[in-house]
Amino acid sequence: MSGNSRHQALIDQLFRDRDAEYRRASKAEQQLKEMTDAKEMKAAYEAKLAEKEEALRERDKTIEAKDNRIAQLEQKLLYLGRKMWGAMSEKRHIPDDSNQLKLDFGQLEMSPEEEETARKAIEEITDYKKVIVKGHEKQVPVRHKLPKNLRHVEEHIYPKGYEGHGDEWVLFDDTETSEHLEFNPAELYVRVTIRHKGMRKDMKEIQTAPVQNEPIAKSYASASLLTDFMVGKYVDHLPFYRQIQMIND
């Protein structure tokens, strides 16, 4: 290879190297620009995010302040409502939650007279809790025996299926007895209901005559007596106590 050819090849190689270097520099510059743009975008995003967070904190503070104000107004409204329209019996009402007696009336915008009324109410409720109330014995009504001088009419009731088939039953001496005051015009008498017990020989099962339905459970008054009372009350306009006096006489 001649000297000129070697010289030209060297020149071409230099151009190629410079071109490659230029391309690397351009690529590096482009990457640097992209990185700079990304940093700027990130900074702008973080700035906007900080602004939103600050706005949210301010909003939370405003909401908290409003909630506190609403709670104070509700507390004041509750107190004033009880003071103006509450029933007298509320003075002796003890709340289930003892913390309700510890309301901070000092934070409410009340007059000195209202504050004094609130303090007296709290003292009255506290003193009332210390009062010991004696228990009242519960009186259980007791039915007295019906007079023995009245005529007694016995009414026998037998287990279902006994009548007409007495030979198929074993009748016990044990019975259940109840008394009811019957009324006939100008006469009172006692109807004695005797419920017999028995057992079928073929079934070996003890049965008792069924209980008759009475107008008032566990009462001596029968349907005839109650009917006469109603007629006397609403037809003859006689009060019940006068009718009872007439019967006792």
Protein backbone atom coordinates (compact mmCIF):
# COMPACT_ATOMS: atom_id res chain seq x y z
CA MET A 1 0.00 0.00 0.00
CA SER A 2 1.33 3.38 -0.97
CA GLY A 3 1.85 6.25 1.43
CA ASN A 4 -1.17 8.13 0.12
CA SER A 5 -3.44 5.17 0.65
CA ARG A 6 -2.30 4.76 4.25
CA HIS A 7 -2.77 8.42 4.87
CA GLN A 8 -6.31 8.39 3.44
CA ALA A 9 -7.22 5.33 5.53
CA LEU A 10 -6.00 7.07 8.65
CA ILE A 11 -8.07 10.12 7.83
CA ASP A 12 -11.19 7.99 7.26
CA GLN A 13 -10.63 6.22 10.58
CA LEU A 14 -10.37 9.56 12.36
CA PHE A 15 -13.62 10.73 10.82
CA ARG A 16 -15.34 7.52 11.87
CA ASP A 17 -14.05 7.87 15.42
CA ARG A 18 -15.15 11.51 15.62
CA ASP A 19 -18.57 10.62 14.25
CA ALA A 20 -18.95 7.83 16.83
CA GLU A 21 -17.83 10.19 19.58
CA TYR A 22 -20.34 12.78 18.40
CA ARG A 23 -23.13 10.24 18.44
CA ARG A 24 -22.17 9.16 22.00
CA ALA A 25 -22.08 12.79 23.09
CA SER A 26 -25.48 13.48 21.52
CA LYS A 27 -26.94 10.41 23.17
CA ALA A 28 -25.49 11.39 26.54
CA GLU A 29 -26.84 14.92 26.15
CA GLN A 30 -30.29 13.54 25.28
CA GLN A 31 -30.24 11.26 28.32
CA LEU A 32 -29.14 14.16 30.53
CA LYS A 33 -31.97 16.29 29.20
CA GLU A 34 -34.49 13.49 29.84
CA MET A 35 -33.17 13.06 33.36
CA THR A 36 -33.41 16.80 33.97
CA ASP A 37 -37.01 16.83 32.67
CA ALA A 38 -37.85 13.86 34.90
CA LYS A 39 -36.43 15.61 37.95
CA GLU A 40 -38.40 18.73 37.14
CA MET A 41 -41.61 16.70 36.68
CA LYS A 42 -40.95 14.90 39.97
CA ALA A 43 -40.34 18.19 41.76
CA ALA A 44 -43.55 19.65 40.30
CA TYR A 45 -45.52 16.53 41.32
CA GLU A 46 -44.11 16.62 44.85
CA ALA A 47 -44.97 20.32 45.12
CA LYS A 48 -48.58 19.65 44.07
CA LEU A 49 -48.78 16.71 46.45
CA ALA A 50 -47.52 18.88 49.30
CA GLU A 51 -50.14 21.51 48.44
CA LYS A 52 -52.92 18.88 48.53
CA GLU A 53 -51.69 17.47 51.84
CA GLU A 54 -51.63 20.96 53.32
CA ALA A 55 -55.16 21.55 52.04
CA LEU A 56 -56.31 18.27 53.58
CA ARG A 57 -54.75 19.21 56.93
CA GLU A 58 -56.49 22.57 56.85
CA ARG A 59 -59.77 20.86 55.96
CA ASP A 60 -59.38 18.39 58.85
CA LYS A 61 -58.70 21.25 61.25
CA THR A 62 -61.80 23.08 60.03
CA ILE A 63 -63.96 19.95 60.38
CA GLU A 64 -62.62 19.26 63.88
CA ALA A 65 -63.32 22.85 64.92
CA LYS A 66 -66.85 22.64 63.53
CA ASP A 67 -67.47 19.27 65.25
CA ASN A 68 -66.33 20.73 68.58
CA ARG A 69 -68.57 23.73 68.09
CA ILE A 70 -71.53 21.53 67.20
CA ALA A 71 -70.94 19.37 70.30
CA GLN A 72 -70.85 22.47 72.48
CA LEU A 73 -74.05 23.82 70.94
CA GLU A 74 -75.81 20.47 71.32
CA GLN A 75 -74.73 20.28 74.97
CA LYS A 76 -75.94 23.81 75.61
CA LEU A 77 -79.21 23.14 73.77
CA LEU A 78 -79.80 19.98 75.80
CA TYR A 79 -79.26 21.83 79.07
CA LEU A 80 -81.47 24.77 78.10
CA GLY A 81 -84.19 22.44 76.80
CA ARG A 82 -84.30 20.52 80.07
CA LYS A 83 -84.30 23.76 81.99
CA MET A 84 -87.21 25.28 80.05
CA TRP A 85 -89.38 22.26 79.15
CA GLY A 86 -88.22 19.36 81.34
CA ALA A 87 -90.72 17.64 83.65
CA MET A 88 -90.41 18.13 87.40
CA SER A 89 -89.76 14.42 87.81
CA GLU A 90 -86.47 14.83 85.92
CA LYS A 91 -85.00 16.47 89.00
CA ARG A 92 -84.91 13.03 90.56
CA HIS A 93 -83.85 11.15 87.46
CA ILE A 94 -80.40 9.57 87.76
CA PRO A 95 -78.69 8.98 84.39
CA ASP A 96 -77.40 5.50 83.65
CA ASP A 97 -74.01 6.99 82.74
CA SER A 98 -72.44 8.73 85.73
CA ASN A 99 -70.25 10.76 83.36
CA GLN A 100 -73.35 12.71 82.37
CA LEU A 101 -73.17 14.35 85.78
CA LYS A 102 -69.72 15.75 84.97
CA LEU A 103 -70.61 18.09 82.11
CA ASP A 104 -68.23 21.02 81.80
CA PHE A 105 -70.72 23.86 81.99
CA GLY A 106 -67.82 26.33 82.23
CA GLN A 107 -67.17 26.00 78.50
CA LEU A 108 -70.73 26.98 77.65
CA GLU A 109 -71.70 30.58 77.22
CA MET A 110 -74.21 30.74 80.10
CA SER A 111 -75.20 33.45 82.46
CA PRO A 112 -74.20 33.23 86.16
CA GLU A 113 -77.81 32.35 87.03
CA GLU A 114 -77.80 29.42 84.59
CA GLU A 115 -74.47 28.18 85.95
CA GLU A 116 -75.82 28.31 89.51
CA THR A 117 -78.93 26.39 88.45
CA ALA A 118 -76.76 23.71 86.80
CA ARG A 119 -74.59 23.31 89.89
CA LYS A 120 -77.63 23.00 92.17
CA ALA A 121 -79.12 20.37 89.85
CA ILE A 122 -75.90 18.32 89.99
CA GLU A 123 -75.78 18.60 93.80
CA GLU A 124 -79.43 17.54 94.05
CA ILE A 125 -78.85 14.49 91.86
CA THR A 126 -75.71 13.55 93.82
CA ASP A 127 -77.52 13.88 97.15
CA TYR A 128 -80.45 11.87 95.86
CA LYS A 129 -78.14 8.95 95.03
CA LYS A 130 -77.17 8.82 98.70
CA VAL A 131 -80.79 8.46 99.90
CA ILE A 132 -81.67 4.94 101.00
CA VAL A 133 -85.19 3.96 99.99
CA LYS A 134 -86.87 1.30 102.11
CA GLY A 135 -88.24 -1.60 100.18
CA HIS A 136 -91.95 -2.27 100.16
CA GLU A 137 -93.16 -5.73 100.84
CA LYS A 138 -95.24 -7.16 98.06
CA GLN A 139 -98.63 -8.13 99.38
CA VAL A 140 -100.02 -11.28 97.86
CA PRO A 141 -103.82 -11.38 97.76
CA VAL A 142 -105.30 -14.26 99.77
CA ARG A 143 -108.73 -15.67 99.05
CA HIS A 144 -110.81 -16.14 102.17
CA LYS A 145 -112.98 -19.17 102.70
CA LEU A 146 -116.58 -18.88 101.61
CA PRO A 147 -119.16 -18.74 104.45
CA LYS A 148 -120.15 -22.18 105.68
CA ASN A 149 -123.70 -21.08 106.48
CA LEU A 150 -124.51 -20.82 102.78
CA ARG A 151 -126.18 -23.72 101.07
CA HIS A 152 -123.62 -25.92 99.34
CA VAL A 153 -124.59 -27.72 96.16
CA GLU A 154 -122.16 -30.37 95.02
CA GLU A 155 -121.44 -30.93 91.36
CA HIS A 156 -119.56 -34.10 90.45
CA ILE A 157 -117.49 -34.27 87.30
CA TYR A 158 -115.99 -37.55 86.16
CA PRO A 159 -113.19 -38.33 83.72
CA LYS A 160 -114.10 -38.43 80.07
CA GLY A 161 -115.64 -41.77 79.16
CA TYR A 162 -116.58 -42.73 82.73
CA GLU A 163 -120.32 -42.04 82.62
CA GLY A 164 -122.18 -45.07 81.34
CA HIS A 165 -119.05 -47.22 81.62
CA GLY A 166 -118.44 -47.16 85.37
CA ASP A 167 -117.77 -50.88 85.43
CA GLU A 168 -114.71 -50.31 83.24
CA TRP A 169 -113.13 -47.86 85.66
CA VAL A 170 -111.45 -47.96 89.06
CA LEU A 171 -112.61 -44.81 90.84
CA PHE A 172 -110.34 -43.37 93.55
CA ASP A 173 -111.39 -41.66 96.74
CA ASP A 174 -108.89 -38.87 96.06
CA THR A 175 -110.62 -35.88 94.42
CA GLU A 176 -109.84 -32.27 93.58
CA THR A 177 -112.35 -29.76 94.93
CA SER A 178 -112.97 -26.11 94.03
CA GLU A 179 -115.63 -23.69 95.22
CA HIS A 180 -117.43 -20.88 93.39
CA LEU A 181 -120.05 -18.49 94.67
CA GLU A 182 -123.23 -18.88 92.66
CA PHE A 183 -126.16 -16.50 92.64
CA ASN A 184 -129.85 -17.08 92.33
CA PRO A 185 -132.30 -14.20 92.73
CA ALA A 186 -132.53 -13.55 96.47
CA GLU A 187 -130.25 -16.50 97.21
CA LEU A 188 -126.54 -17.12 97.40
CA TYR A 189 -125.20 -20.64 97.48
CA VAL A 190 -121.89 -22.33 97.01
CA ARG A 191 -121.42 -24.62 94.03
CA VAL A 192 -118.84 -27.23 95.00
CA THR A 193 -117.19 -28.85 91.99
CA ILE A 194 -115.65 -32.23 92.77
CA ARG A 195 -113.40 -33.59 90.06
CA HIS A 196 -113.06 -37.32 90.35
CA LYS A 197 -110.03 -39.37 89.41
CA GLY A 198 -110.14 -42.82 87.90
CA MET A 199 -108.30 -45.34 85.81
CA ARG A 200 -109.53 -47.55 83.01
CA LYS A 201 -108.86 -51.15 83.81
CA ASP A 202 -107.68 -51.91 80.31
CA MET A 203 -105.44 -48.82 79.91
CA LYS A 204 -103.82 -48.60 83.39
CA GLU A 205 -103.75 -44.79 83.13
CA ILE A 206 -104.99 -42.46 85.85
CA GLN A 207 -107.23 -39.68 84.58
CA THR A 208 -108.79 -36.69 86.32
CA ALA A 209 -111.98 -34.94 85.29
CA PRO A 210 -111.16 -31.85 83.22
CA VAL A 211 -111.21 -28.40 84.78
CA GLN A 212 -114.22 -26.32 83.83
CA ASN A 213 -113.62 -22.89 82.34
CA GLU A 214 -114.55 -20.12 84.76
CA PRO A 215 -115.05 -16.42 83.86
CA ILE A 216 -112.19 -15.27 86.13
CA ALA A 217 -109.31 -17.59 86.97
CA LYS A 218 -108.67 -18.22 90.67
CA SER A 219 -111.81 -16.37 91.69
CA TYR A 220 -114.92 -17.44 93.63
CA ALA A 221 -117.17 -15.42 91.33
CA SER A 222 -119.20 -17.53 88.91
CA ALA A 223 -120.83 -16.47 85.67
CA SER A 224 -124.23 -15.99 87.32
CA LEU A 225 -122.80 -13.75 90.06
CA LEU A 226 -120.81 -11.65 87.59
CA THR A 227 -123.87 -11.31 85.37
CA ASP A 228 -125.93 -10.00 88.28
CA PHE A 229 -123.14 -7.53 89.15
CA MET A 230 -123.07 -6.23 85.57
CA VAL A 231 -126.83 -5.84 85.46
CA GLY A 232 -126.79 -4.03 88.80
CA LYS A 233 -123.97 -1.74 87.65
CA TYR A 234 -125.08 -0.79 84.15
CA VAL A 235 -128.84 -1.33 84.30
CA ASP A 236 -129.77 -0.55 87.91
CA HIS A 237 -126.86 1.95 88.27
CA LEU A 238 -125.71 0.42 91.55
CA PRO A 239 -121.99 0.78 92.26
CA PHE A 240 -120.07 -2.40 93.00
CA TYR A 241 -119.40 -1.53 96.64
CA ARG A 242 -123.15 -1.10 97.24
CA GLN A 243 -123.88 -4.49 95.69
CA ILE A 244 -121.16 -6.11 97.84
CA GLN A 245 -122.68 -4.47 100.93
CA MET A 246 -126.08 -5.86 99.97
CA ILE A 247 -124.63 -9.37 99.66
CA ASN A 248 -122.82 -9.15 103.00
CA ASP A 249 -125.97 -7.88 104.73
